[in-house]
Amino acid sequence: MLSAFLKSVSHTGRDETGATAVEYGIMVALIAVVIIAAVTLLGSTVRETFSQVQCSVSGKTWTAATTSGGTGTCA
């Protein structure tokens, strides 16, 4: 009887299926936080770059902003 109890206890400690799901959930949450931070920090720079490329493709001249927070103009 004691050996059956010890066998069941040893199998219980090895079952990690629930822990794996929790670990994947934490990984997904951390990846989402990193993506949100990157989009927030780089959003205006990427928008400015796409505006410059759009202006160049249309054959116009891009003039950069004179202030760090401003946007350039396409003429």
Protein backbone atom coordinates (compact mmCIF):
# COMPACT_ATOMS: atom_id res chain seq x y z
CA MET A 1 0.00 0.00 0.00
CA LEU A 2 2.82 2.39 0.78
CA SER A 3 4.44 1.75 -2.60
CA ALA A 4 1.15 2.55 -4.40
CA PHE A 5 0.92 5.85 -2.51
CA LEU A 6 4.52 6.78 -3.32
CA LYS A 7 3.99 5.89 -6.97
CA SER A 8 0.91 8.13 -7.21
CA VAL A 9 2.72 11.02 -5.51
CA SER A 10 5.69 10.72 -7.86
CA HIS A 11 3.41 10.80 -10.93
CA THR A 12 1.59 13.85 -9.60
CA GLY A 13 4.80 15.87 -9.37
CA ARG A 14 5.70 15.17 -13.00
CA ASP A 15 2.44 16.42 -14.52
CA GLU A 16 3.36 19.83 -15.97
CA THR A 17 0.64 20.34 -18.59
CA GLY A 18 -1.00 23.21 -16.70
CA ALA A 19 2.30 24.91 -16.02
CA THR A 20 3.15 24.85 -19.71
CA ALA A 21 -0.08 26.67 -20.61
CA VAL A 22 0.62 29.31 -17.96
CA GLU A 23 4.16 29.81 -19.26
CA TYR A 24 2.89 30.28 -22.82
CA GLY A 25 0.34 32.80 -21.57
CA ILE A 26 3.05 34.79 -19.80
CA MET A 27 5.24 34.71 -22.93
CA VAL A 28 2.39 35.98 -25.11
CA ALA A 29 1.66 38.79 -22.64
CA LEU A 30 5.31 39.87 -22.56
CA ILE A 31 5.54 39.82 -26.36
CA ALA A 32 2.39 41.97 -26.55
CA VAL A 33 3.89 44.49 -24.11
CA VAL A 34 7.08 44.71 -26.18
CA ILE A 35 5.11 45.23 -29.40
CA ILE A 36 2.97 47.95 -27.84
CA ALA A 37 6.05 49.72 -26.49
CA ALA A 38 7.82 49.54 -29.86
CA VAL A 39 4.81 50.89 -31.75
CA THR A 40 4.40 53.70 -29.23
CA LEU A 41 8.06 54.72 -29.35
CA LEU A 42 8.61 54.34 -33.09
CA GLY A 43 5.15 55.25 -34.38
CA SER A 44 5.81 58.88 -35.28
CA THR A 45 9.19 58.09 -36.86
CA VAL A 46 7.68 55.38 -39.04
CA ARG A 47 4.79 57.65 -40.06
CA GLU A 48 7.24 60.39 -41.03
CA THR A 49 9.32 57.93 -43.08
CA PHE A 50 6.27 56.63 -44.96
CA SER A 51 5.15 60.19 -45.68
CA GLN A 52 8.59 60.98 -47.08
CA VAL A 53 8.55 57.88 -49.28
CA GLN A 54 5.03 58.67 -50.50
CA CYS A 55 6.15 62.18 -51.42
CA SER A 56 9.21 60.90 -53.28
CA VAL A 57 7.19 58.31 -55.22
CA SER A 58 4.74 60.98 -56.36
CA GLY A 59 7.66 63.02 -57.74
CA LYS A 60 7.50 65.86 -55.25
CA THR A 61 10.15 67.22 -52.88
CA TRP A 62 10.10 66.44 -49.18
CA THR A 63 11.05 69.21 -46.76
CA ALA A 64 11.87 68.01 -43.25
CA ALA A 65 10.33 69.65 -40.20
CA THR A 66 12.30 72.39 -38.49
CA THR A 67 11.24 71.24 -35.01
CA SER A 68 11.72 67.78 -33.54
CA GLY A 69 7.99 67.22 -32.95
CA GLY A 70 6.76 68.67 -36.26
CA THR A 71 6.00 66.97 -39.53
CA GLY A 72 7.63 67.66 -42.86
CA THR A 73 5.89 68.99 -45.93
CA CYS A 74 5.56 67.66 -49.44
CA ALA A 75 5.62 70.18 -52.25
